[in-house]
Amino acid sequence: MNLPNKLTMFRIFLVIPLIIFFSLFIWSSNNNFLEVNTKSNSQYFLYASGFIFVISMISDFFDGYLARKNNQITSFGKLFDPLADKIITTTSLIFLSIFNYTYLILVLIFIIRDLIVDGSRNIAAYQRIKIEASIYGKLKTIFQSIAIPLVIFLSPLINKNNWWEVFLINIPMILATLMSIISGLLYFKEIIPFINNK
């Protein structure tokens, strides 16, 4: 297994500590963790989750960079690289919506869009059609990679009962959602002519 594929596997395994730290944050926020400075202690778990997400995004960058530079693009990487990204990203989004740090509707849009695009890609692969990713899809990934750690690290500093504070830290997430919708529609538009082909 080459280095890019090892980085992909590393990213998949990162979801385990990610879930653990997010879960510890929920637990410590609702219990008298260590019976002292509960809020401060729970934030450590949230920040740990944020650092894990950042590490996963850095590994994703080097994964793709090394694969292209060293001509090490493999079938394994094509399948599991985007899967690893979706596992880390979707897990983070679900937990953030549970905390009410981001909006559930945005998380649902991301998930539904990805399901539609993945289904379309399967059709394209079956038809042996290559559809290039649009700039909107790349912008969606960039905004999402910025938005998630931004919400994680800023959320303890705001009052989540004030809608405008929650809205402000979620502006990049909203932009990522818009890019997600546009890129999803463009991709689906490209695949429509081939859906009824036999």
N, C-alpha and C. Protein backbone atom coordinates (compact mmCIF):
# COMPACT_ATOMS: atom_id res chain seq x y z
N MET A 1 0.85 -1.20 0.00
CA MET A 1 0.00 0.00 0.00
C MET A 1 0.89 1.24 0.00
N ASN A 2 0.66 2.14 -0.97
CA ASN A 2 1.49 3.34 -1.05
C ASN A 2 1.11 4.37 0.01
N LEU A 3 1.92 5.42 0.12
CA LEU A 3 1.72 6.42 1.17
C LEU A 3 0.37 7.14 1.07
N PRO A 4 -0.06 7.59 -0.12
CA PRO A 4 -1.38 8.22 -0.20
C PRO A 4 -2.51 7.33 0.32
N ASN A 5 -2.45 6.04 0.01
CA ASN A 5 -3.49 5.13 0.49
C ASN A 5 -3.40 4.93 2.01
N LYS A 6 -2.18 4.95 2.53
CA LYS A 6 -2.01 4.86 3.99
C LYS A 6 -2.60 6.08 4.68
N LEU A 7 -2.44 7.25 4.05
CA LEU A 7 -3.03 8.47 4.60
C LEU A 7 -4.55 8.40 4.57
N THR A 8 -5.09 7.79 3.52
CA THR A 8 -6.54 7.61 3.43
C THR A 8 -7.04 6.71 4.55
N MET A 9 -6.34 5.59 4.80
CA MET A 9 -6.72 4.69 5.88
C MET A 9 -6.59 5.38 7.23
N PHE A 10 -5.53 6.17 7.38
CA PHE A 10 -5.33 6.93 8.62
C PHE A 10 -6.52 7.84 8.88
N ARG A 11 -7.01 8.49 7.80
CA ARG A 11 -8.14 9.40 7.93
C ARG A 11 -9.42 8.65 8.32
N ILE A 12 -9.59 7.46 7.79
CA ILE A 12 -10.76 6.66 8.15
C ILE A 12 -10.72 6.29 9.63
N PHE A 13 -9.54 5.89 10.12
CA PHE A 13 -9.41 5.51 11.53
C PHE A 13 -9.56 6.70 12.47
N LEU A 14 -9.31 7.91 11.96
CA LEU A 14 -9.45 9.11 12.79
C LEU A 14 -10.88 9.32 13.26
N VAL A 15 -11.83 8.71 12.58
CA VAL A 15 -13.24 8.90 12.97
C VAL A 15 -13.49 8.31 14.35
N ILE A 16 -12.70 7.32 14.75
CA ILE A 16 -12.89 6.68 16.06
C ILE A 16 -12.61 7.67 17.20
N PRO A 17 -11.39 8.27 17.27
CA PRO A 17 -11.19 9.27 18.33
C PRO A 17 -12.09 10.49 18.18
N LEU A 18 -12.47 10.82 16.93
CA LEU A 18 -13.38 11.94 16.70
C LEU A 18 -14.71 11.70 17.41
N ILE A 19 -15.27 10.53 17.22
CA ILE A 19 -16.54 10.19 17.87
C ILE A 19 -16.38 10.13 19.38
N ILE A 20 -15.26 9.59 19.84
CA ILE A 20 -15.02 9.48 21.28
C ILE A 20 -14.98 10.87 21.93
N PHE A 21 -14.23 11.79 21.34
CA PHE A 21 -14.12 13.13 21.93
C PHE A 21 -15.42 13.91 21.84
N PHE A 22 -16.14 13.79 20.74
CA PHE A 22 -17.44 14.44 20.65
C PHE A 22 -18.39 13.88 21.70
N SER A 23 -18.36 12.56 21.89
CA SER A 23 -19.23 11.91 22.88
C SER A 23 -18.85 12.33 24.30
N LEU A 24 -17.54 12.43 24.56
CA LEU A 24 -17.09 12.89 25.86
C LEU A 24 -17.51 14.33 26.12
N PHE A 25 -17.55 15.12 25.07
CA PHE A 25 -18.02 16.50 25.21
C PHE A 25 -19.48 16.53 25.64
N ILE A 26 -20.31 15.70 25.00
CA ILE A 26 -21.72 15.62 25.37
C ILE A 26 -21.86 15.17 26.81
N TRP A 27 -21.12 14.12 27.16
CA TRP A 27 -21.21 13.55 28.51
C TRP A 27 -20.77 14.55 29.57
N SER A 28 -19.62 15.19 29.33
CA SER A 28 -19.07 16.11 30.33
C SER A 28 -19.89 17.39 30.43
N SER A 29 -20.59 17.74 29.35
CA SER A 29 -21.43 18.94 29.38
C SER A 29 -22.69 18.72 30.21
N ASN A 30 -23.07 17.46 30.36
CA ASN A 30 -24.31 17.14 31.07
C ASN A 30 -24.09 16.49 32.43
N ASN A 31 -22.81 16.43 32.85
CA ASN A 31 -22.47 15.85 34.14
C ASN A 31 -21.45 16.72 34.84
N ASN A 32 -21.31 16.52 36.11
CA ASN A 32 -20.31 17.26 36.87
C ASN A 32 -18.95 16.58 36.70
N PHE A 33 -18.40 16.73 35.50
CA PHE A 33 -17.14 16.08 35.17
C PHE A 33 -16.03 16.59 36.08
N LEU A 34 -15.41 15.68 36.83
CA LEU A 34 -14.36 15.98 37.79
C LEU A 34 -14.83 16.95 38.87
N GLU A 35 -16.13 17.28 38.84
CA GLU A 35 -16.76 18.13 39.85
C GLU A 35 -16.07 19.49 39.99
N VAL A 36 -15.40 19.93 38.94
CA VAL A 36 -14.77 21.25 39.01
C VAL A 36 -14.69 21.83 37.59
N ASN A 37 -15.08 23.07 37.48
CA ASN A 37 -14.99 23.81 36.21
C ASN A 37 -15.48 22.97 35.04
N THR A 38 -16.70 22.48 35.17
CA THR A 38 -17.25 21.54 34.20
C THR A 38 -17.22 22.08 32.78
N LYS A 39 -17.64 23.31 32.61
CA LYS A 39 -17.72 23.88 31.26
C LYS A 39 -16.34 23.92 30.61
N SER A 40 -15.33 24.31 31.39
CA SER A 40 -13.99 24.39 30.85
C SER A 40 -13.47 23.02 30.44
N ASN A 41 -13.71 22.01 31.27
CA ASN A 41 -13.25 20.66 30.96
C ASN A 41 -13.92 20.11 29.71
N SER A 42 -15.21 20.35 29.55
CA SER A 42 -15.93 19.84 28.39
C SER A 42 -15.40 20.47 27.11
N GLN A 43 -14.96 21.73 27.19
CA GLN A 43 -14.43 22.40 26.01
C GLN A 43 -13.17 21.72 25.49
N TYR A 44 -12.37 21.14 26.39
CA TYR A 44 -11.16 20.45 25.96
C TYR A 44 -11.50 19.32 25.00
N PHE A 45 -12.57 18.60 25.29
CA PHE A 45 -12.99 17.49 24.42
C PHE A 45 -13.45 18.02 23.06
N LEU A 46 -14.16 19.15 23.09
CA LEU A 46 -14.62 19.75 21.83
C LEU A 46 -13.43 20.22 21.00
N TYR A 47 -12.47 20.87 21.65
CA TYR A 47 -11.29 21.33 20.93
C TYR A 47 -10.47 20.17 20.39
N ALA A 48 -10.40 19.07 21.15
CA ALA A 48 -9.69 17.88 20.68
C ALA A 48 -10.35 17.36 19.40
N SER A 49 -11.68 17.38 19.36
CA SER A 49 -12.40 16.97 18.15
C SER A 49 -12.04 17.88 16.98
N GLY A 50 -11.94 19.18 17.27
CA GLY A 50 -11.58 20.13 16.23
C GLY A 50 -10.19 19.88 15.67
N PHE A 51 -9.24 19.58 16.55
CA PHE A 51 -7.87 19.31 16.10
C PHE A 51 -7.82 18.03 15.26
N ILE A 52 -8.61 17.03 15.63
CA ILE A 52 -8.65 15.80 14.85
C ILE A 52 -9.20 16.09 13.45
N PHE A 53 -10.23 16.92 13.38
CA PHE A 53 -10.78 17.28 12.07
C PHE A 53 -9.74 18.01 11.22
N VAL A 54 -9.02 18.95 11.82
CA VAL A 54 -7.99 19.70 11.09
C VAL A 54 -6.91 18.75 10.59
N ILE A 55 -6.48 17.82 11.44
CA ILE A 55 -5.46 16.84 11.04
C ILE A 55 -5.95 16.02 9.86
N SER A 56 -7.24 15.64 9.88
CA SER A 56 -7.79 14.84 8.78
C SER A 56 -7.78 15.63 7.48
N MET A 57 -8.07 16.94 7.55
CA MET A 57 -8.07 17.77 6.34
C MET A 57 -6.64 17.96 5.80
N ILE A 58 -5.67 18.09 6.72
CA ILE A 58 -4.28 18.21 6.29
C ILE A 58 -3.82 16.92 5.61
N SER A 59 -4.19 15.78 6.20
CA SER A 59 -3.81 14.50 5.60
C SER A 59 -4.50 14.31 4.25
N ASP A 60 -5.71 14.84 4.11
CA ASP A 60 -6.42 14.76 2.84
C ASP A 60 -5.67 15.54 1.76
N PHE A 61 -5.17 16.71 2.12
CA PHE A 61 -4.41 17.53 1.16
C PHE A 61 -3.16 16.78 0.68
N PHE A 62 -2.38 16.25 1.63
CA PHE A 62 -1.15 15.56 1.25
C PHE A 62 -1.43 14.24 0.54
N ASP A 63 -2.54 13.62 0.89
CA ASP A 63 -2.97 12.40 0.21
C ASP A 63 -3.10 12.66 -1.29
N GLY A 64 -3.92 13.65 -1.64
CA GLY A 64 -4.15 13.97 -3.04
C GLY A 64 -2.91 14.51 -3.73
N TYR A 65 -2.16 15.36 -3.01
CA TYR A 65 -0.96 15.96 -3.59
C TYR A 65 0.08 14.90 -3.95
N LEU A 66 0.34 13.98 -3.01
CA LEU A 66 1.35 12.93 -3.25
C LEU A 66 0.90 11.95 -4.32
N ALA A 67 -0.41 11.65 -4.33
CA ALA A 67 -0.93 10.70 -5.33
C ALA A 67 -0.74 11.26 -6.74
N ARG A 68 -1.01 12.56 -6.90
CA ARG A 68 -0.85 13.17 -8.23
C ARG A 68 0.62 13.36 -8.58
N LYS A 69 1.41 13.83 -7.62
CA LYS A 69 2.82 14.11 -7.88
C LYS A 69 3.60 12.85 -8.24
N ASN A 70 3.33 11.77 -7.52
CA ASN A 70 4.08 10.53 -7.71
C ASN A 70 3.37 9.52 -8.61
N ASN A 71 2.29 10.00 -9.25
CA ASN A 71 1.51 9.12 -10.13
C ASN A 71 1.11 7.83 -9.42
N GLN A 72 0.54 8.01 -8.22
CA GLN A 72 0.13 6.87 -7.39
C GLN A 72 -1.38 6.82 -7.20
N ILE A 73 -2.11 7.31 -8.19
CA ILE A 73 -3.58 7.25 -8.13
C ILE A 73 -4.02 5.82 -8.37
N THR A 74 -4.76 5.26 -7.42
CA THR A 74 -5.18 3.86 -7.50
C THR A 74 -6.69 3.75 -7.40
N SER A 75 -7.21 2.58 -7.72
CA SER A 75 -8.65 2.32 -7.60
C SER A 75 -9.07 2.43 -6.14
N PHE A 76 -8.20 1.96 -5.24
CA PHE A 76 -8.48 2.07 -3.80
C PHE A 76 -8.64 3.53 -3.40
N GLY A 77 -7.72 4.37 -3.86
CA GLY A 77 -7.77 5.78 -3.51
C GLY A 77 -8.99 6.48 -4.07
N LYS A 78 -9.34 6.15 -5.31
CA LYS A 78 -10.52 6.76 -5.94
C LYS A 78 -11.79 6.45 -5.16
N LEU A 79 -11.85 5.25 -4.58
CA LEU A 79 -13.05 4.84 -3.84
C LEU A 79 -13.03 5.35 -2.41
N PHE A 80 -11.91 5.13 -1.71
CA PHE A 80 -11.89 5.37 -0.28
C PHE A 80 -11.48 6.79 0.12
N ASP A 81 -10.81 7.52 -0.77
CA ASP A 81 -10.44 8.90 -0.43
C ASP A 81 -11.68 9.77 -0.21
N PRO A 82 -12.63 9.83 -1.17
CA PRO A 82 -13.84 10.62 -0.91
C PRO A 82 -14.70 10.03 0.20
N LEU A 83 -14.65 8.69 0.37
CA LEU A 83 -15.41 8.06 1.44
C LEU A 83 -14.88 8.49 2.81
N ALA A 84 -13.55 8.54 2.94
CA ALA A 84 -12.94 8.97 4.20
C ALA A 84 -13.34 10.40 4.53
N ASP A 85 -13.34 11.26 3.51
CA ASP A 85 -13.74 12.65 3.72
C ASP A 85 -15.19 12.75 4.20
N LYS A 86 -16.05 11.98 3.57
CA LYS A 86 -17.48 12.03 3.92
C LYS A 86 -17.72 11.51 5.34
N ILE A 87 -16.99 10.47 5.73
CA ILE A 87 -17.16 9.91 7.07
C ILE A 87 -16.78 10.95 8.13
N ILE A 88 -15.61 11.58 7.96
CA ILE A 88 -15.14 12.58 8.92
C ILE A 88 -16.05 13.80 8.94
N THR A 89 -16.39 14.29 7.75
CA THR A 89 -17.19 15.51 7.64
C THR A 89 -18.61 15.30 8.15
N THR A 90 -19.26 14.23 7.71
CA THR A 90 -20.64 13.98 8.12
C THR A 90 -20.74 13.73 9.61
N THR A 91 -19.78 12.99 10.17
CA THR A 91 -19.77 12.74 11.62
C THR A 91 -19.69 14.06 12.37
N SER A 92 -18.79 14.94 11.94
CA SER A 92 -18.64 16.24 12.61
C SER A 92 -19.91 17.08 12.49
N LEU A 93 -20.51 17.09 11.31
CA LEU A 93 -21.72 17.89 11.09
C LEU A 93 -22.87 17.39 11.96
N ILE A 94 -23.02 16.08 12.06
CA ILE A 94 -24.11 15.52 12.86
C ILE A 94 -23.96 15.91 14.33
N PHE A 95 -22.74 15.78 14.85
CA PHE A 95 -22.52 16.15 16.25
C PHE A 95 -22.74 17.64 16.47
N LEU A 96 -22.28 18.49 15.56
CA LEU A 96 -22.47 19.93 15.71
C LEU A 96 -23.95 20.31 15.69
N SER A 97 -24.73 19.59 14.89
CA SER A 97 -26.17 19.86 14.88
C SER A 97 -26.82 19.39 16.17
N ILE A 98 -26.31 18.31 16.75
CA ILE A 98 -26.81 17.83 18.04
C ILE A 98 -26.58 18.88 19.12
N PHE A 99 -25.41 19.55 19.05
CA PHE A 99 -25.09 20.59 20.03
C PHE A 99 -25.83 21.89 19.76
N ASN A 100 -26.54 21.97 18.61
CA ASN A 100 -27.19 23.21 18.17
C ASN A 100 -26.17 24.31 17.86
N TYR A 101 -24.96 23.90 17.45
CA TYR A 101 -23.95 24.86 17.02
C TYR A 101 -24.04 25.15 15.52
N THR A 102 -24.71 24.27 14.81
CA THR A 102 -25.01 24.53 13.40
C THR A 102 -26.44 24.09 13.15
N TYR A 103 -26.94 24.37 11.95
CA TYR A 103 -28.35 24.14 11.66
C TYR A 103 -28.56 22.75 11.06
N LEU A 104 -29.54 22.05 11.60
CA LEU A 104 -29.84 20.69 11.14
C LEU A 104 -30.18 20.67 9.66
N ILE A 105 -30.88 21.69 9.17
CA ILE A 105 -31.28 21.73 7.76
C ILE A 105 -30.06 21.74 6.85
N LEU A 106 -28.99 22.42 7.28
CA LEU A 106 -27.76 22.45 6.47
C LEU A 106 -27.13 21.06 6.41
N VAL A 107 -27.11 20.39 7.55
CA VAL A 107 -26.54 19.04 7.61
C VAL A 107 -27.32 18.09 6.70
N LEU A 108 -28.65 18.18 6.74
CA LEU A 108 -29.49 17.32 5.90
C LEU A 108 -29.24 17.60 4.41
N ILE A 109 -29.07 18.87 4.06
CA ILE A 109 -28.80 19.22 2.66
C ILE A 109 -27.49 18.61 2.21
N PHE A 110 -26.45 18.71 3.06
CA PHE A 110 -25.15 18.11 2.71
C PHE A 110 -25.29 16.61 2.48
N ILE A 111 -26.00 15.93 3.38
CA ILE A 111 -26.12 14.48 3.29
C ILE A 111 -26.91 14.07 2.06
N ILE A 112 -28.06 14.74 1.83
CA ILE A 112 -28.90 14.41 0.67
C ILE A 112 -28.15 14.69 -0.63
N ARG A 113 -27.46 15.81 -0.69
CA ARG A 113 -26.68 16.15 -1.89
C ARG A 113 -25.64 15.08 -2.18
N ASP A 114 -24.92 14.65 -1.14
CA ASP A 114 -23.88 13.64 -1.34
C ASP A 114 -24.46 12.32 -1.81
N LEU A 115 -25.63 11.95 -1.27
CA LEU A 115 -26.28 10.71 -1.70
C LEU A 115 -26.66 10.78 -3.19
N ILE A 116 -27.21 11.93 -3.59
CA ILE A 116 -27.61 12.10 -4.99
C ILE A 116 -26.39 12.08 -5.92
N VAL A 117 -25.34 12.81 -5.53
CA VAL A 117 -24.13 12.86 -6.36
C VAL A 117 -23.47 11.49 -6.43
N ASP A 118 -23.40 10.78 -5.30
CA ASP A 118 -22.78 9.45 -5.31
C ASP A 118 -23.58 8.48 -6.18
N GLY A 119 -24.90 8.60 -6.12
CA GLY A 119 -25.74 7.76 -6.99
C GLY A 119 -25.51 8.09 -8.45
N SER A 120 -25.38 9.38 -8.75
CA SER A 120 -25.12 9.80 -10.13
C SER A 120 -23.75 9.31 -10.60
N ARG A 121 -22.77 9.32 -9.71
CA ARG A 121 -21.44 8.83 -10.07
C ARG A 121 -21.47 7.34 -10.39
N ASN A 122 -22.29 6.61 -9.65
CA ASN A 122 -22.41 5.17 -9.94
C ASN A 122 -22.99 4.95 -11.34
N ILE A 123 -23.99 5.77 -11.69
CA ILE A 123 -24.57 5.68 -13.04
C ILE A 123 -23.52 6.03 -14.08
N ALA A 124 -22.75 7.11 -13.80
CA ALA A 124 -21.71 7.54 -14.74
C ALA A 124 -20.66 6.46 -14.92
N ALA A 125 -20.27 5.81 -13.80
CA ALA A 125 -19.26 4.76 -13.88
C ALA A 125 -19.79 3.57 -14.67
N TYR A 126 -21.06 3.24 -14.46
CA TYR A 126 -21.67 2.12 -15.18
C TYR A 126 -21.73 2.40 -16.68
N GLN A 127 -22.01 3.66 -17.02
CA GLN A 127 -22.09 4.08 -18.42
C GLN A 127 -20.72 4.43 -19.00
N ARG A 128 -19.69 4.33 -18.14
CA ARG A 128 -18.32 4.68 -18.54
C ARG A 128 -18.23 6.13 -19.01
N ILE A 129 -18.88 6.98 -18.23
CA ILE A 129 -18.89 8.41 -18.54
C ILE A 129 -18.05 9.13 -17.50
N LYS A 130 -17.22 10.04 -17.95
CA LYS A 130 -16.41 10.83 -17.04
C LYS A 130 -16.96 12.24 -16.98
N ILE A 131 -17.38 12.64 -15.77
CA ILE A 131 -17.91 13.99 -15.57
C ILE A 131 -16.96 14.75 -14.66
N GLU A 132 -16.42 15.84 -15.15
CA GLU A 132 -15.47 16.62 -14.38
C GLU A 132 -16.16 17.35 -13.24
N ALA A 133 -15.48 17.43 -12.10
CA ALA A 133 -16.02 18.17 -10.96
C ALA A 133 -16.03 19.66 -11.28
N SER A 134 -17.09 20.34 -10.89
CA SER A 134 -17.20 21.78 -11.16
C SER A 134 -16.45 22.57 -10.10
N ILE A 135 -16.21 23.83 -10.39
CA ILE A 135 -15.55 24.72 -9.44
C ILE A 135 -16.38 24.86 -8.18
N TYR A 136 -17.72 24.72 -8.32
CA TYR A 136 -18.59 24.86 -7.16
C TYR A 136 -18.39 23.71 -6.17
N GLY A 137 -18.10 22.52 -6.70
CA GLY A 137 -17.82 21.39 -5.82
C GLY A 137 -16.54 21.61 -5.04
N LYS A 138 -15.53 22.18 -5.69
CA LYS A 138 -14.27 22.47 -5.02
C LYS A 138 -14.45 23.57 -3.98
N LEU A 139 -15.26 24.59 -4.33
CA LEU A 139 -15.55 25.66 -3.37
C LEU A 139 -16.32 25.13 -2.17
N LYS A 140 -17.22 24.19 -2.42
CA LYS A 140 -17.98 23.57 -1.33
C LYS A 140 -17.04 22.89 -0.35
N THR A 141 -16.07 22.16 -0.88
CA THR A 141 -15.10 21.46 -0.03
C THR A 141 -14.26 22.44 0.76
N ILE A 142 -13.82 23.53 0.11
CA ILE A 142 -12.99 24.53 0.78
C ILE A 142 -13.77 25.21 1.90
N PHE A 143 -15.00 25.68 1.58
CA PHE A 143 -15.81 26.35 2.59
C PHE A 143 -16.16 25.42 3.75
N GLN A 144 -16.45 24.17 3.43
CA GLN A 144 -16.80 23.19 4.45
C GLN A 144 -15.61 22.89 5.37
N SER A 145 -14.42 22.80 4.77
CA SER A 145 -13.21 22.52 5.54
C SER A 145 -12.87 23.68 6.47
N ILE A 146 -13.27 24.88 6.10
CA ILE A 146 -13.07 26.05 6.96
C ILE A 146 -14.19 26.16 7.98
N ALA A 147 -15.41 25.90 7.54
CA ALA A 147 -16.60 26.13 8.38
C ALA A 147 -16.64 25.21 9.60
N ILE A 148 -16.34 23.93 9.42
CA ILE A 148 -16.48 22.99 10.54
C ILE A 148 -15.54 23.31 11.69
N PRO A 149 -14.21 23.46 11.46
CA PRO A 149 -13.36 23.83 12.60
C PRO A 149 -13.68 25.22 13.15
N LEU A 150 -14.14 26.13 12.28
CA LEU A 150 -14.51 27.46 12.75
C LEU A 150 -15.65 27.38 13.77
N VAL A 151 -16.67 26.59 13.45
CA VAL A 151 -17.80 26.41 14.37
C VAL A 151 -17.34 25.72 15.65
N ILE A 152 -16.50 24.70 15.50
CA ILE A 152 -16.02 23.95 16.68
C ILE A 152 -15.26 24.86 17.64
N PHE A 153 -14.34 25.66 17.11
CA PHE A 153 -13.47 26.46 17.98
C PHE A 153 -14.13 27.75 18.49
N LEU A 154 -15.13 28.25 17.75
CA LEU A 154 -15.78 29.49 18.18
C LEU A 154 -17.05 29.26 18.99
N SER A 155 -17.66 28.10 18.85
CA SER A 155 -18.94 27.84 19.52
C SER A 155 -18.89 27.99 21.04
N PRO A 156 -17.81 27.57 21.72
CA PRO A 156 -17.80 27.77 23.19
C PRO A 156 -17.73 29.23 23.59
N LEU A 157 -17.39 30.11 22.65
CA LEU A 157 -17.24 31.53 22.96
C LEU A 157 -18.53 32.32 22.78
N ILE A 158 -19.56 31.66 22.24
CA ILE A 158 -20.80 32.38 21.97
C ILE A 158 -21.93 31.87 22.87
N ASN A 159 -22.99 32.63 22.87
CA ASN A 159 -24.22 32.19 23.53
C ASN A 159 -25.13 31.61 22.46
N LYS A 160 -25.27 30.27 22.45
CA LYS A 160 -26.02 29.66 21.36
C LYS A 160 -27.52 29.95 21.44
N ASN A 161 -27.96 30.63 22.50
CA ASN A 161 -29.36 31.06 22.58
C ASN A 161 -29.59 32.37 21.83
N ASN A 162 -28.49 33.03 21.45
CA ASN A 162 -28.58 34.23 20.62
C ASN A 162 -28.44 33.82 19.16
N TRP A 163 -29.53 33.89 18.41
CA TRP A 163 -29.54 33.37 17.04
C TRP A 163 -28.51 34.04 16.16
N TRP A 164 -28.26 35.34 16.38
CA TRP A 164 -27.35 36.06 15.50
C TRP A 164 -25.90 35.63 15.71
N GLU A 165 -25.55 35.22 16.93
CA GLU A 165 -24.19 34.72 17.18
C GLU A 165 -23.98 33.38 16.48
N VAL A 166 -24.99 32.52 16.57
CA VAL A 166 -24.93 31.23 15.89
C VAL A 166 -24.86 31.45 14.38
N PHE A 167 -25.65 32.41 13.90
CA PHE A 167 -25.66 32.70 12.46
C PHE A 167 -24.29 33.19 11.98
N LEU A 168 -23.65 34.07 12.74
CA LEU A 168 -22.37 34.64 12.34
C LEU A 168 -21.30 33.56 12.17
N ILE A 169 -21.21 32.63 13.13
CA ILE A 169 -20.15 31.62 13.02
C ILE A 169 -20.50 30.56 11.97
N ASN A 170 -21.75 30.58 11.50
CA ASN A 170 -22.18 29.61 10.49
C ASN A 170 -22.21 30.18 9.07
N ILE A 171 -21.75 31.41 8.88
CA ILE A 171 -21.76 32.00 7.54
C ILE A 171 -20.96 31.15 6.55
N PRO A 172 -19.72 30.72 6.88
CA PRO A 172 -19.01 29.83 5.94
C PRO A 172 -19.76 28.53 5.68
N MET A 173 -20.47 28.02 6.70
CA MET A 173 -21.24 26.79 6.53
C MET A 173 -22.40 27.01 5.56
N ILE A 174 -23.04 28.17 5.66
CA ILE A 174 -24.13 28.50 4.75
C ILE A 174 -23.61 28.63 3.32
N LEU A 175 -22.44 29.26 3.17
CA LEU A 175 -21.83 29.39 1.84
C LEU A 175 -21.48 28.00 1.28
N ALA A 176 -20.98 27.14 2.15
CA ALA A 176 -20.67 25.77 1.72
C ALA A 176 -21.92 25.05 1.27
N THR A 177 -23.04 25.31 1.95
CA THR A 177 -24.31 24.69 1.58
C THR A 177 -24.77 25.16 0.21
N LEU A 178 -24.64 26.47 -0.06
CA LEU A 178 -25.02 27.01 -1.36
C LEU A 178 -24.17 26.40 -2.47
N MET A 179 -22.86 26.31 -2.23
CA MET A 179 -21.97 25.69 -3.21
C MET A 179 -22.32 24.21 -3.40
N SER A 180 -22.74 23.57 -2.32
CA SER A 180 -23.12 22.15 -2.36
C SER A 180 -24.35 21.95 -3.24
N ILE A 181 -25.34 22.83 -3.07
CA ILE A 181 -26.57 22.73 -3.86
C ILE A 181 -26.28 22.96 -5.34
N ILE A 182 -25.51 24.03 -5.63
CA ILE A 182 -25.21 24.36 -7.02
C ILE A 182 -24.42 23.24 -7.69
N SER A 183 -23.38 22.75 -7.02
CA SER A 183 -22.56 21.69 -7.62
C SER A 183 -23.35 20.41 -7.79
N GLY A 184 -24.25 20.12 -6.84
CA GLY A 184 -25.08 18.92 -6.94
C GLY A 184 -26.04 19.01 -8.12
N LEU A 185 -26.65 20.17 -8.31
CA LEU A 185 -27.57 20.36 -9.43
C LEU A 185 -26.84 20.26 -10.77
N LEU A 186 -25.65 20.87 -10.84
CA LEU A 186 -24.88 20.82 -12.08
C LEU A 186 -24.46 19.39 -12.41
N TYR A 187 -24.05 18.65 -11.39
CA TYR A 187 -23.63 17.27 -11.63
C TYR A 187 -24.82 16.43 -12.09
N PHE A 188 -25.96 16.62 -11.42
CA PHE A 188 -27.15 15.85 -11.78
C PHE A 188 -27.62 16.21 -13.18
N LYS A 189 -27.49 17.49 -13.54
CA LYS A 189 -27.88 17.92 -14.89
C LYS A 189 -27.04 17.21 -15.94
N GLU A 190 -25.76 17.01 -15.66
CA GLU A 190 -24.87 16.34 -16.60
C GLU A 190 -25.24 14.86 -16.78
N ILE A 191 -25.77 14.25 -15.74
CA ILE A 191 -26.01 12.81 -15.79
C ILE A 191 -27.42 12.47 -16.29
N ILE A 192 -28.35 13.45 -16.26
CA ILE A 192 -29.74 13.19 -16.66
C ILE A 192 -29.87 12.52 -18.03
N PRO A 193 -29.14 12.99 -19.06
CA PRO A 193 -29.31 12.37 -20.40
C PRO A 193 -28.96 10.89 -20.43
N PHE A 194 -28.18 10.43 -19.44
CA PHE A 194 -27.72 9.06 -19.48
C PHE A 194 -28.51 8.12 -18.55
N ILE A 195 -29.44 8.71 -17.76
CA ILE A 195 -30.16 7.90 -16.77
C ILE A 195 -31.02 6.83 -17.44
N ASN A 196 -31.67 7.20 -18.54
CA ASN A 196 -32.57 6.24 -19.22
C ASN A 196 -31.88 5.42 -20.30
N ASN A 197 -30.57 5.64 -20.45
CA ASN A 197 -29.85 4.85 -21.44
C ASN A 197 -29.70 3.40 -20.98
N LYS A 198 -29.80 2.50 -21.91
CA LYS A 198 -29.64 1.09 -21.59
C LYS A 198 -28.23 0.64 -21.95
